[in-house]
Each structure stands twice: as structure tokens, then as C-alpha cells.
Amino acid sequence: MTDAIWRERKNERPQHDSTRTELEKMRADDWFRYRAGPELPELQRETLNVCRDVNARYAEDPAGMTAAFAAAVDACGPGLDIRPPILIEYGERVSIGANVFINNDFMVLGSGRVTIGDHVLIGPSARLYTPNHSLDVGLRRESWEIGLPITIEDDVWLGGSVVICPGVTIGARSVVGAGSVVTKDVPPDVVVAGNPARIVREL
């Protein structure tokens, strides 16, 4: 999803639709009310329970921990290597490629689709934030939210304490410097750093 498209989506005005549940709206990548209906908290609890189990099992059963985490997400390639703790709200919205390394204190918030490619390195305390709320305070009070996708393409390296904002794609082989806040798409084969992240060199 390009910057232009997600900016259009985030500025839409949500519409009530009584023919679908909030979960159905979320799975369709539409605006939904995250505080309405029991199914969303239940889905979150399922994933958070897996995260809690993964965090507790690392020292004694790293293979079982990795298998449990892989089963909780939508897709996961071979060779995953993770260091807890981790926190993910909606496991079914996360896909992970092959030979991915995720360092400790990894967090994925919100319902947006998160796609992590092959051979990706994720530094400690990385934050992937997919939720977008309305700028209209009345709509925020009604708990409207849309999850915007985050895509991390193959061979990307995210430094420690990186924040990836909703709707962002990190192009293949690019590097994001530690502490960066990425608010816009990053092209392939560059190094970005800063808040907001900007290109500092080409690779």
C-alpha cells in the first residue's frame, strides 16, 4: 500500500454497517469499533495467552516456544529465531518469512496486516504500530479504528528501538537506524535514520 493510498484510507469517515460484525469489518481491512462486540477482546486474549506462554517457555523449551509462536500467527517460514518477551495483539494478522531473527521486547499493536519477509533482522524493542484513529474527537470516542498494513520486505534490518508507523513499507535490503521513527515508505537499498526517518545513504 502506497503512502497516498493509506493517507486516503486514514482520512475516510467511518460508516455504520449493521450487516457485519466488528470482527468481520476488521478482517476486511475496514473501519471498525474496537470496543464494540465480544469477539475482538476474545481474539486478543487468545494471542496474548500464547505470547505469555512463549515468554515463559524460552529458557526451558526454546523449540517448543518457537513452534507455539509460529502456530499463533497467520504464516511462518522455517528458521525463525526469537528472543522473548514478545507482545502481539492479533496473531492471525501477522505473517513471517523464512530465517527471520526477532530480538527481545518485540511488539505488534493493532489489527493491520503485518508482513515480514525472508532473512529479516529485527533489533530489540522494535515497535510496529498499525492502528489509526479518526482525527474527529467524536468518532474517537465511539472507538473507531482502521488497521493499516506494515510490510517489511526481504533482508531488511531494523535497528533497536525502531518505531514503524501505520501503512509503511520498508523496501528490500534497507536498513533502519536505531531509534528511528518511520512514518513513510522506505525504498529498497537505502539506510534511513532519525525522527522522522530520512534517507542518509544508498546501499
N, C-alpha and C. Protein backbone atom coordinates (compact mmCIF):
# COMPACT_ATOMS: atom_id res chain seq x y z
N MET A 1 0.85 -1.20 0.00
CA MET A 1 0.00 0.00 0.00
C MET A 1 0.88 1.24 0.00
N THR A 2 0.65 2.13 -0.94
CA THR A 2 1.47 3.32 -1.04
C THR A 2 1.05 4.35 -0.01
N ASP A 3 1.96 5.33 0.21
CA ASP A 3 1.65 6.41 1.13
C ASP A 3 0.33 7.09 0.76
N ALA A 4 0.14 7.36 -0.54
CA ALA A 4 -1.06 8.09 -0.96
C ALA A 4 -2.32 7.32 -0.63
N ILE A 5 -2.30 6.01 -0.84
CA ILE A 5 -3.50 5.20 -0.59
C ILE A 5 -3.81 5.16 0.90
N TRP A 6 -2.79 4.90 1.74
CA TRP A 6 -3.12 4.80 3.16
C TRP A 6 -3.52 6.14 3.75
N ARG A 7 -2.98 7.23 3.19
CA ARG A 7 -3.42 8.54 3.68
C ARG A 7 -4.90 8.76 3.34
N GLU A 8 -5.35 8.29 2.18
CA GLU A 8 -6.76 8.37 1.84
C GLU A 8 -7.59 7.53 2.81
N ARG A 9 -7.14 6.31 3.08
CA ARG A 9 -7.89 5.44 3.97
C ARG A 9 -8.00 6.02 5.39
N LYS A 10 -6.91 6.59 5.89
CA LYS A 10 -6.92 7.09 7.26
C LYS A 10 -7.80 8.32 7.42
N ASN A 11 -8.08 9.00 6.29
CA ASN A 11 -8.93 10.19 6.35
C ASN A 11 -10.38 9.92 5.99
N GLU A 12 -10.72 8.65 5.75
CA GLU A 12 -12.11 8.31 5.48
C GLU A 12 -12.97 8.57 6.72
N ARG A 13 -14.25 8.77 6.48
CA ARG A 13 -15.20 8.88 7.59
C ARG A 13 -15.89 7.52 7.76
N PRO A 14 -15.73 6.90 8.92
CA PRO A 14 -16.34 5.58 9.12
C PRO A 14 -17.85 5.61 8.98
N GLN A 15 -18.39 4.49 8.46
CA GLN A 15 -19.82 4.36 8.27
C GLN A 15 -20.33 3.16 9.07
N HIS A 16 -21.45 3.33 9.75
CA HIS A 16 -22.05 2.22 10.46
C HIS A 16 -22.57 1.18 9.47
N ASP A 17 -22.37 -0.09 9.78
CA ASP A 17 -22.82 -1.19 8.92
C ASP A 17 -23.28 -2.32 9.83
N SER A 18 -24.56 -2.40 10.04
CA SER A 18 -25.12 -3.38 10.97
C SER A 18 -25.17 -4.79 10.38
N THR A 19 -24.81 -4.94 9.09
CA THR A 19 -24.86 -6.26 8.47
C THR A 19 -23.61 -7.09 8.75
N ARG A 20 -22.58 -6.46 9.34
CA ARG A 20 -21.34 -7.17 9.63
C ARG A 20 -20.95 -6.96 11.09
N THR A 21 -20.29 -7.95 11.66
CA THR A 21 -19.73 -7.78 13.00
C THR A 21 -18.46 -6.92 12.91
N GLU A 22 -18.01 -6.43 14.06
CA GLU A 22 -16.78 -5.65 14.09
C GLU A 22 -15.59 -6.51 13.66
N LEU A 23 -15.62 -7.79 14.01
CA LEU A 23 -14.55 -8.69 13.59
C LEU A 23 -14.54 -8.84 12.07
N GLU A 24 -15.69 -8.97 11.46
CA GLU A 24 -15.75 -9.07 10.01
C GLU A 24 -15.23 -7.81 9.34
N LYS A 25 -15.56 -6.67 9.89
CA LYS A 25 -15.05 -5.41 9.34
C LYS A 25 -13.53 -5.36 9.47
N MET A 26 -13.02 -5.76 10.62
CA MET A 26 -11.57 -5.74 10.83
C MET A 26 -10.87 -6.65 9.83
N ARG A 27 -11.41 -7.85 9.64
CA ARG A 27 -10.78 -8.80 8.72
C ARG A 27 -10.87 -8.35 7.27
N ALA A 28 -11.80 -7.47 6.97
CA ALA A 28 -11.93 -6.90 5.63
C ALA A 28 -11.10 -5.63 5.46
N ASP A 29 -10.31 -5.30 6.48
CA ASP A 29 -9.46 -4.09 6.46
C ASP A 29 -10.28 -2.82 6.37
N ASP A 30 -11.45 -2.83 6.99
CA ASP A 30 -12.32 -1.66 7.04
C ASP A 30 -12.28 -1.01 8.42
N TRP A 31 -12.89 0.17 8.53
CA TRP A 31 -13.06 0.81 9.83
C TRP A 31 -13.96 -0.08 10.71
N PHE A 32 -13.61 -0.20 11.98
CA PHE A 32 -14.42 -0.96 12.93
C PHE A 32 -14.31 -0.29 14.28
N ARG A 33 -15.21 -0.68 15.19
CA ARG A 33 -15.19 -0.13 16.55
C ARG A 33 -14.55 -1.17 17.47
N TYR A 34 -13.35 -0.85 17.92
CA TYR A 34 -12.58 -1.85 18.65
C TYR A 34 -13.11 -2.13 20.05
N ARG A 35 -14.00 -1.31 20.55
CA ARG A 35 -14.59 -1.56 21.87
C ARG A 35 -15.99 -2.17 21.78
N ALA A 36 -16.45 -2.47 20.57
CA ALA A 36 -17.80 -2.98 20.39
C ALA A 36 -17.75 -4.49 20.10
N GLY A 37 -18.62 -5.24 20.75
CA GLY A 37 -18.71 -6.67 20.50
C GLY A 37 -17.67 -7.46 21.27
N PRO A 38 -18.01 -8.70 21.66
CA PRO A 38 -17.11 -9.50 22.49
C PRO A 38 -16.01 -10.21 21.72
N GLU A 39 -16.16 -10.34 20.39
CA GLU A 39 -15.25 -11.21 19.66
C GLU A 39 -13.83 -10.64 19.56
N LEU A 40 -13.69 -9.32 19.53
CA LEU A 40 -12.36 -8.74 19.41
C LEU A 40 -11.51 -8.95 20.67
N PRO A 41 -12.04 -8.63 21.87
CA PRO A 41 -11.24 -8.94 23.07
C PRO A 41 -10.91 -10.43 23.21
N GLU A 42 -11.85 -11.29 22.80
CA GLU A 42 -11.58 -12.73 22.87
C GLU A 42 -10.42 -13.12 21.97
N LEU A 43 -10.41 -12.55 20.76
CA LEU A 43 -9.33 -12.85 19.82
C LEU A 43 -8.00 -12.33 20.35
N GLN A 44 -8.02 -11.15 20.94
CA GLN A 44 -6.80 -10.61 21.54
C GLN A 44 -6.30 -11.50 22.67
N ARG A 45 -7.22 -11.94 23.53
CA ARG A 45 -6.81 -12.77 24.66
C ARG A 45 -6.16 -14.06 24.19
N GLU A 46 -6.67 -14.64 23.12
CA GLU A 46 -6.07 -15.87 22.60
C GLU A 46 -4.61 -15.66 22.24
N THR A 47 -4.34 -14.57 21.50
CA THR A 47 -2.96 -14.31 21.10
C THR A 47 -2.09 -13.92 22.30
N LEU A 48 -2.63 -13.11 23.19
CA LEU A 48 -1.85 -12.68 24.35
C LEU A 48 -1.52 -13.86 25.26
N ASN A 49 -2.42 -14.84 25.34
CA ASN A 49 -2.13 -16.04 26.12
C ASN A 49 -0.98 -16.82 25.51
N VAL A 50 -0.93 -16.90 24.17
CA VAL A 50 0.19 -17.56 23.51
C VAL A 50 1.49 -16.79 23.79
N CYS A 51 1.43 -15.47 23.71
CA CYS A 51 2.63 -14.67 24.00
C CYS A 51 3.12 -14.90 25.41
N ARG A 52 2.20 -14.98 26.34
CA ARG A 52 2.57 -15.23 27.74
C ARG A 52 3.26 -16.59 27.87
N ASP A 53 2.71 -17.59 27.17
CA ASP A 53 3.30 -18.92 27.21
C ASP A 53 4.69 -18.93 26.57
N VAL A 54 4.81 -18.26 25.43
CA VAL A 54 6.10 -18.17 24.74
C VAL A 54 7.15 -17.52 25.63
N ASN A 55 6.78 -16.44 26.27
CA ASN A 55 7.72 -15.72 27.14
C ASN A 55 8.19 -16.57 28.30
N ALA A 56 7.30 -17.43 28.80
CA ALA A 56 7.64 -18.25 29.97
C ALA A 56 8.46 -19.49 29.60
N ARG A 57 8.34 -19.97 28.36
CA ARG A 57 8.94 -21.25 27.98
C ARG A 57 10.33 -21.13 27.38
N TYR A 58 10.80 -19.94 27.11
CA TYR A 58 12.04 -19.79 26.35
C TYR A 58 13.23 -20.50 26.99
N ALA A 59 13.42 -20.32 28.27
CA ALA A 59 14.61 -20.87 28.92
C ALA A 59 14.62 -22.39 28.93
N GLU A 60 13.45 -23.02 29.10
CA GLU A 60 13.41 -24.47 29.26
C GLU A 60 13.10 -25.20 27.96
N ASP A 61 12.39 -24.58 27.04
CA ASP A 61 11.94 -25.29 25.84
C ASP A 61 11.92 -24.34 24.65
N PRO A 62 13.09 -23.90 24.17
CA PRO A 62 13.09 -22.94 23.08
C PRO A 62 12.46 -23.46 21.80
N ALA A 63 12.61 -24.74 21.50
CA ALA A 63 12.00 -25.29 20.29
C ALA A 63 10.48 -25.29 20.40
N GLY A 64 9.97 -25.70 21.56
CA GLY A 64 8.52 -25.69 21.77
C GLY A 64 7.97 -24.28 21.77
N MET A 65 8.73 -23.35 22.33
CA MET A 65 8.31 -21.95 22.33
C MET A 65 8.18 -21.42 20.90
N THR A 66 9.17 -21.72 20.06
CA THR A 66 9.14 -21.23 18.68
C THR A 66 7.98 -21.85 17.92
N ALA A 67 7.73 -23.14 18.15
CA ALA A 67 6.61 -23.80 17.47
C ALA A 67 5.28 -23.21 17.90
N ALA A 68 5.14 -22.90 19.18
CA ALA A 68 3.89 -22.32 19.67
C ALA A 68 3.66 -20.94 19.06
N PHE A 69 4.71 -20.15 18.96
CA PHE A 69 4.58 -18.83 18.36
C PHE A 69 4.23 -18.94 16.88
N ALA A 70 4.91 -19.83 16.17
CA ALA A 70 4.65 -20.00 14.74
C ALA A 70 3.20 -20.42 14.48
N ALA A 71 2.64 -21.23 15.38
CA ALA A 71 1.26 -21.68 15.22
C ALA A 71 0.25 -20.57 15.49
N ALA A 72 0.67 -19.54 16.21
CA ALA A 72 -0.26 -18.47 16.61
C ALA A 72 -0.39 -17.38 15.56
N VAL A 73 0.53 -17.34 14.59
CA VAL A 73 0.47 -16.31 13.55
C VAL A 73 -0.12 -16.91 12.28
N ASP A 74 -0.43 -16.03 11.31
CA ASP A 74 -1.09 -16.49 10.10
C ASP A 74 -0.20 -17.40 9.26
N ALA A 75 1.07 -17.06 9.18
CA ALA A 75 2.04 -17.87 8.43
C ALA A 75 3.42 -17.62 9.00
N CYS A 76 4.25 -18.67 8.95
CA CYS A 76 5.61 -18.54 9.49
C CYS A 76 6.52 -19.51 8.75
N GLY A 77 7.58 -18.98 8.14
CA GLY A 77 8.52 -19.82 7.44
C GLY A 77 9.49 -20.50 8.39
N PRO A 78 10.33 -21.39 7.85
CA PRO A 78 11.31 -22.09 8.69
C PRO A 78 12.41 -21.16 9.15
N GLY A 79 13.09 -21.60 10.21
CA GLY A 79 14.27 -20.89 10.66
C GLY A 79 14.01 -19.67 11.53
N LEU A 80 12.80 -19.55 12.08
CA LEU A 80 12.51 -18.42 12.96
C LEU A 80 13.34 -18.51 14.23
N ASP A 81 13.92 -17.38 14.64
CA ASP A 81 14.73 -17.30 15.87
C ASP A 81 14.26 -16.06 16.63
N ILE A 82 13.64 -16.27 17.79
CA ILE A 82 13.10 -15.14 18.55
C ILE A 82 13.63 -15.16 19.97
N ARG A 83 13.68 -13.94 20.55
CA ARG A 83 14.07 -13.77 21.94
C ARG A 83 12.94 -13.03 22.67
N PRO A 84 12.31 -13.68 23.62
CA PRO A 84 11.23 -13.01 24.34
C PRO A 84 11.78 -11.92 25.26
N PRO A 85 10.88 -11.04 25.76
CA PRO A 85 9.43 -11.11 25.62
C PRO A 85 8.93 -10.56 24.28
N ILE A 86 7.75 -11.03 23.88
CA ILE A 86 7.08 -10.51 22.70
C ILE A 86 5.64 -10.18 23.08
N LEU A 87 5.03 -9.28 22.32
CA LEU A 87 3.62 -8.95 22.52
C LEU A 87 2.99 -8.65 21.17
N ILE A 88 1.99 -9.44 20.81
CA ILE A 88 1.25 -9.26 19.56
C ILE A 88 -0.23 -9.32 19.89
N GLU A 89 -1.01 -8.39 19.34
CA GLU A 89 -2.44 -8.35 19.67
C GLU A 89 -3.27 -9.34 18.85
N TYR A 90 -3.02 -9.40 17.54
CA TYR A 90 -3.83 -10.27 16.67
C TYR A 90 -2.89 -11.15 15.85
N GLY A 91 -2.65 -12.36 16.34
CA GLY A 91 -1.73 -13.26 15.66
C GLY A 91 -2.13 -13.57 14.23
N GLU A 92 -3.42 -13.66 13.97
CA GLU A 92 -3.88 -14.02 12.63
C GLU A 92 -3.58 -12.95 11.59
N ARG A 93 -3.14 -11.77 12.02
CA ARG A 93 -2.85 -10.68 11.09
C ARG A 93 -1.35 -10.55 10.80
N VAL A 94 -0.55 -11.49 11.29
CA VAL A 94 0.90 -11.41 11.17
C VAL A 94 1.42 -12.58 10.34
N SER A 95 2.25 -12.28 9.33
CA SER A 95 2.92 -13.30 8.53
C SER A 95 4.42 -13.07 8.57
N ILE A 96 5.17 -14.16 8.75
CA ILE A 96 6.63 -14.07 8.91
C ILE A 96 7.28 -15.02 7.92
N GLY A 97 8.31 -14.54 7.23
CA GLY A 97 9.01 -15.35 6.23
C GLY A 97 10.03 -16.29 6.85
N ALA A 98 10.96 -16.74 6.02
CA ALA A 98 11.96 -17.72 6.44
C ALA A 98 13.19 -17.03 7.01
N ASN A 99 13.81 -17.72 7.99
CA ASN A 99 15.09 -17.28 8.55
C ASN A 99 15.05 -15.85 9.09
N VAL A 100 14.02 -15.59 9.87
CA VAL A 100 13.84 -14.27 10.49
C VAL A 100 14.36 -14.30 11.92
N PHE A 101 15.08 -13.26 12.30
CA PHE A 101 15.53 -13.12 13.69
C PHE A 101 14.81 -11.93 14.32
N ILE A 102 14.19 -12.18 15.48
CA ILE A 102 13.47 -11.14 16.22
C ILE A 102 14.07 -11.06 17.61
N ASN A 103 14.67 -9.93 17.93
CA ASN A 103 15.27 -9.76 19.24
C ASN A 103 14.20 -9.42 20.28
N ASN A 104 14.63 -9.27 21.53
CA ASN A 104 13.66 -9.21 22.63
C ASN A 104 12.84 -7.92 22.64
N ASP A 105 11.71 -8.01 23.33
CA ASP A 105 10.81 -6.87 23.54
C ASP A 105 10.17 -6.40 22.22
N PHE A 106 9.76 -7.36 21.41
CA PHE A 106 9.12 -7.08 20.12
C PHE A 106 7.62 -6.87 20.34
N MET A 107 7.06 -5.82 19.71
CA MET A 107 5.65 -5.51 19.90
C MET A 107 4.98 -5.19 18.56
N VAL A 108 3.82 -5.82 18.34
CA VAL A 108 2.98 -5.51 17.19
C VAL A 108 1.59 -5.17 17.72
N LEU A 109 1.17 -3.92 17.51
CA LEU A 109 -0.13 -3.47 18.01
C LEU A 109 -1.09 -3.23 16.86
N GLY A 110 -2.36 -3.55 17.12
CA GLY A 110 -3.42 -3.24 16.19
C GLY A 110 -3.73 -4.37 15.23
N SER A 111 -4.72 -4.10 14.37
CA SER A 111 -5.29 -5.13 13.51
C SER A 111 -4.79 -5.08 12.08
N GLY A 112 -3.91 -4.14 11.75
CA GLY A 112 -3.40 -4.07 10.39
C GLY A 112 -2.57 -5.29 10.05
N ARG A 113 -2.58 -5.66 8.80
CA ARG A 113 -1.78 -6.81 8.36
C ARG A 113 -0.30 -6.47 8.45
N VAL A 114 0.47 -7.35 9.06
CA VAL A 114 1.92 -7.18 9.18
C VAL A 114 2.59 -8.32 8.42
N THR A 115 3.39 -7.97 7.43
CA THR A 115 4.08 -8.96 6.62
C THR A 115 5.58 -8.74 6.75
N ILE A 116 6.27 -9.76 7.24
CA ILE A 116 7.71 -9.71 7.43
C ILE A 116 8.33 -10.72 6.47
N GLY A 117 9.23 -10.23 5.61
CA GLY A 117 9.81 -11.07 4.57
C GLY A 117 10.88 -12.02 5.08
N ASP A 118 11.61 -12.61 4.15
CA ASP A 118 12.67 -13.57 4.47
C ASP A 118 13.95 -12.84 4.91
N HIS A 119 14.69 -13.50 5.80
CA HIS A 119 16.03 -13.04 6.21
C HIS A 119 15.99 -11.63 6.81
N VAL A 120 14.93 -11.33 7.52
CA VAL A 120 14.80 -10.02 8.18
C VAL A 120 15.42 -10.09 9.58
N LEU A 121 16.13 -9.04 9.96
CA LEU A 121 16.69 -8.90 11.31
C LEU A 121 15.96 -7.77 12.01
N ILE A 122 15.40 -8.07 13.18
CA ILE A 122 14.65 -7.07 13.95
C ILE A 122 15.33 -6.89 15.30
N GLY A 123 15.80 -5.67 15.55
CA GLY A 123 16.52 -5.37 16.77
C GLY A 123 15.61 -5.31 17.99
N PRO A 124 16.21 -5.16 19.17
CA PRO A 124 15.42 -5.16 20.41
C PRO A 124 14.50 -3.94 20.50
N SER A 125 13.37 -4.17 21.15
CA SER A 125 12.39 -3.12 21.45
C SER A 125 11.80 -2.48 20.19
N ALA A 126 11.70 -3.26 19.11
CA ALA A 126 11.05 -2.74 17.90
C ALA A 126 9.55 -2.66 18.13
N ARG A 127 8.94 -1.62 17.56
CA ARG A 127 7.51 -1.38 17.70
C ARG A 127 6.88 -1.23 16.32
N LEU A 128 5.88 -2.06 16.04
CA LEU A 128 5.13 -1.98 14.80
C LEU A 128 3.71 -1.59 15.16
N TYR A 129 3.33 -0.37 14.82
CA TYR A 129 2.03 0.18 15.20
C TYR A 129 1.14 0.27 13.96
N THR A 130 0.07 -0.50 13.91
CA THR A 130 -0.83 -0.48 12.75
C THR A 130 -2.12 0.30 12.96
N PRO A 131 -2.56 0.63 14.18
CA PRO A 131 -3.88 1.27 14.33
C PRO A 131 -3.86 2.73 13.91
N ASN A 132 -4.95 3.14 13.29
CA ASN A 132 -5.17 4.56 13.01
C ASN A 132 -6.56 4.93 13.52
N HIS A 133 -6.65 6.01 14.26
CA HIS A 133 -7.92 6.51 14.78
C HIS A 133 -8.31 7.79 14.05
N SER A 134 -9.57 8.13 14.14
CA SER A 134 -10.06 9.33 13.45
C SER A 134 -9.54 10.59 14.13
N LEU A 135 -9.32 11.64 13.33
CA LEU A 135 -8.99 12.95 13.89
C LEU A 135 -10.21 13.63 14.50
N ASP A 136 -11.38 13.14 14.16
CA ASP A 136 -12.64 13.67 14.71
C ASP A 136 -12.83 13.11 16.13
N VAL A 137 -12.85 13.99 17.12
CA VAL A 137 -12.88 13.53 18.50
C VAL A 137 -14.15 12.73 18.80
N GLY A 138 -15.27 13.09 18.16
CA GLY A 138 -16.50 12.34 18.37
C GLY A 138 -16.37 10.91 17.90
N LEU A 139 -15.73 10.71 16.74
CA LEU A 139 -15.53 9.36 16.23
C LEU A 139 -14.53 8.58 17.09
N ARG A 140 -13.52 9.26 17.61
CA ARG A 140 -12.59 8.57 18.52
C ARG A 140 -13.31 8.08 19.76
N ARG A 141 -14.24 8.90 20.28
CA ARG A 141 -14.99 8.47 21.46
C ARG A 141 -15.85 7.25 21.17
N GLU A 142 -16.23 7.08 19.91
CA GLU A 142 -17.02 5.90 19.51
C GLU A 142 -16.13 4.69 19.23
N SER A 143 -14.82 4.84 19.41
CA SER A 143 -13.81 3.78 19.31
C SER A 143 -13.58 3.28 17.88
N TRP A 144 -13.74 4.17 16.90
CA TRP A 144 -13.47 3.78 15.52
C TRP A 144 -11.96 3.65 15.29
N GLU A 145 -11.60 2.63 14.53
CA GLU A 145 -10.20 2.35 14.22
C GLU A 145 -10.11 1.66 12.87
N ILE A 146 -9.03 1.91 12.15
CA ILE A 146 -8.71 1.13 10.97
C ILE A 146 -7.27 0.67 11.08
N GLY A 147 -7.03 -0.60 10.80
CA GLY A 147 -5.67 -1.12 10.83
C GLY A 147 -5.03 -0.97 9.46
N LEU A 148 -3.90 -0.26 9.40
CA LEU A 148 -3.19 -0.06 8.14
C LEU A 148 -1.98 -0.99 8.08
N PRO A 149 -1.71 -1.57 6.93
CA PRO A 149 -0.69 -2.63 6.86
C PRO A 149 0.72 -2.10 7.01
N ILE A 150 1.57 -2.96 7.54
CA ILE A 150 3.01 -2.72 7.59
C ILE A 150 3.68 -3.88 6.86
N THR A 151 4.57 -3.55 5.93
CA THR A 151 5.29 -4.57 5.18
C THR A 151 6.79 -4.34 5.33
N ILE A 152 7.48 -5.39 5.74
CA ILE A 152 8.94 -5.36 5.86
C ILE A 152 9.47 -6.38 4.88
N GLU A 153 10.08 -5.91 3.80
CA GLU A 153 10.47 -6.79 2.72
C GLU A 153 11.76 -7.56 3.05
N ASP A 154 12.15 -8.46 2.16
CA ASP A 154 13.26 -9.37 2.40
C ASP A 154 14.56 -8.63 2.73
N ASP A 155 15.31 -9.23 3.66
CA ASP A 155 16.66 -8.79 4.00
C ASP A 155 16.73 -7.41 4.64
N VAL A 156 15.64 -6.93 5.18
CA VAL A 156 15.65 -5.66 5.92
C VAL A 156 16.26 -5.86 7.29
N TRP A 157 16.94 -4.85 7.78
CA TRP A 157 17.48 -4.83 9.15
C TRP A 157 16.90 -3.63 9.87
N LEU A 158 16.15 -3.90 10.94
CA LEU A 158 15.63 -2.85 11.80
C LEU A 158 16.51 -2.77 13.04
N GLY A 159 17.07 -1.61 13.30
CA GLY A 159 17.87 -1.42 14.50
C GLY A 159 17.01 -1.41 15.76
N GLY A 160 17.67 -1.29 16.89
CA GLY A 160 16.97 -1.30 18.16
C GLY A 160 16.06 -0.09 18.35
N SER A 161 14.95 -0.32 19.03
CA SER A 161 14.00 0.74 19.40
C SER A 161 13.44 1.49 18.20
N VAL A 162 13.29 0.80 17.08
CA VAL A 162 12.69 1.39 15.89
C VAL A 162 11.17 1.37 16.02
N VAL A 163 10.52 2.44 15.57
CA VAL A 163 9.05 2.51 15.51
C VAL A 163 8.64 2.58 14.05
N ILE A 164 7.78 1.64 13.63
CA ILE A 164 7.22 1.65 12.28
C ILE A 164 5.75 2.06 12.40
N CYS A 165 5.37 3.12 11.73
CA CYS A 165 4.01 3.66 11.83
C CYS A 165 3.06 3.00 10.84
N PRO A 166 1.74 3.19 11.02
CA PRO A 166 0.75 2.52 10.18
C PRO A 166 0.93 2.84 8.70
N GLY A 167 0.76 1.80 7.86
CA GLY A 167 0.75 1.98 6.42
C GLY A 167 2.12 2.00 5.77
N VAL A 168 3.19 1.71 6.49
CA VAL A 168 4.55 1.86 5.98
C VAL A 168 5.05 0.55 5.38
N THR A 169 5.79 0.67 4.28
CA THR A 169 6.54 -0.44 3.68
C THR A 169 8.02 -0.11 3.74
N ILE A 170 8.81 -1.08 4.22
CA ILE A 170 10.27 -0.95 4.22
C ILE A 170 10.79 -1.81 3.07
N GLY A 171 11.42 -1.16 2.09
CA GLY A 171 11.88 -1.86 0.90
C GLY A 171 13.00 -2.84 1.17
N ALA A 172 13.13 -3.81 0.28
CA ALA A 172 14.09 -4.91 0.43
C ALA A 172 15.51 -4.40 0.64
N ARG A 173 16.19 -5.06 1.57
CA ARG A 173 17.62 -4.85 1.86
C ARG A 173 17.93 -3.52 2.54
N SER A 174 16.92 -2.75 2.86
CA SER A 174 17.17 -1.47 3.52
C SER A 174 17.45 -1.66 5.01
N VAL A 175 18.07 -0.63 5.59
CA VAL A 175 18.45 -0.64 6.99
C VAL A 175 17.83 0.58 7.66
N VAL A 176 17.22 0.34 8.84
CA VAL A 176 16.62 1.42 9.61
C VAL A 176 17.44 1.60 10.89
N GLY A 177 18.03 2.77 11.05
CA GLY A 177 18.91 3.03 12.19
C GLY A 177 18.19 2.99 13.52
N ALA A 178 18.92 2.66 14.57
CA ALA A 178 18.36 2.54 15.91
C ALA A 178 17.67 3.83 16.32
N GLY A 179 16.51 3.67 16.95
CA GLY A 179 15.76 4.81 17.46
C GLY A 179 14.95 5.57 16.44
N SER A 180 14.92 5.11 15.21
CA SER A 180 14.21 5.82 14.15
C SER A 180 12.70 5.65 14.28
N VAL A 181 11.97 6.67 13.82
CA VAL A 181 10.52 6.61 13.72
C VAL A 181 10.18 6.73 12.23
N VAL A 182 9.67 5.64 11.65
CA VAL A 182 9.44 5.59 10.21
C VAL A 182 7.97 5.90 9.94
N THR A 183 7.73 7.03 9.30
CA THR A 183 6.36 7.49 9.04
C THR A 183 5.95 7.36 7.58
N LYS A 184 6.93 7.11 6.69
CA LYS A 184 6.65 6.99 5.26
C LYS A 184 7.38 5.79 4.69
N ASP A 185 6.95 5.34 3.50
CA ASP A 185 7.60 4.22 2.85
C ASP A 185 9.09 4.46 2.67
N VAL A 186 9.86 3.38 2.80
CA VAL A 186 11.31 3.42 2.60
C VAL A 186 11.62 2.61 1.34
N PRO A 187 12.33 3.17 0.37
CA PRO A 187 12.65 2.42 -0.85
C PRO A 187 13.66 1.32 -0.57
N PRO A 188 13.85 0.40 -1.50
CA PRO A 188 14.88 -0.63 -1.31
C PRO A 188 16.28 -0.03 -1.30
N ASP A 189 17.19 -0.74 -0.64
CA ASP A 189 18.63 -0.47 -0.74
C ASP A 189 19.04 0.91 -0.26
N VAL A 190 18.50 1.32 0.89
CA VAL A 190 18.93 2.58 1.49
C VAL A 190 19.08 2.38 3.00
N VAL A 191 19.77 3.33 3.62
CA VAL A 191 19.82 3.44 5.08
C VAL A 191 19.00 4.66 5.47
N VAL A 192 18.07 4.49 6.40
CA VAL A 192 17.31 5.62 6.90
C VAL A 192 17.54 5.73 8.40
N ALA A 193 17.42 6.96 8.92
CA ALA A 193 17.60 7.18 10.35
C ALA A 193 16.92 8.48 10.73
N GLY A 194 16.59 8.59 12.02
CA GLY A 194 16.06 9.84 12.55
C GLY A 194 14.58 9.79 12.85
N ASN A 195 14.07 10.91 13.34
CA ASN A 195 12.66 11.08 13.67
C ASN A 195 12.17 12.42 13.12
N PRO A 196 11.43 12.36 11.98
CA PRO A 196 11.06 11.16 11.22
C PRO A 196 12.25 10.64 10.42
N ALA A 197 12.22 9.35 10.10
CA ALA A 197 13.33 8.72 9.39
C ALA A 197 13.50 9.32 7.99
N ARG A 198 14.75 9.58 7.63
CA ARG A 198 15.09 10.11 6.31
C ARG A 198 16.26 9.29 5.75
N ILE A 199 16.37 9.28 4.43
CA ILE A 199 17.47 8.56 3.79
C ILE A 199 18.78 9.27 4.10
N VAL A 200 19.74 8.50 4.61
CA VAL A 200 21.07 9.06 4.91
C VAL A 200 22.14 8.53 3.96
N ARG A 201 21.87 7.40 3.30
CA ARG A 201 22.81 6.91 2.29
C ARG A 201 22.13 5.81 1.48
N GLU A 202 22.67 5.57 0.29
CA GLU A 202 22.22 4.47 -0.54
C GLU A 202 23.18 3.30 -0.39
N LEU A 203 22.66 2.10 -0.59
CA LEU A 203 23.47 0.89 -0.45
C LEU A 203 23.77 0.31 -1.83
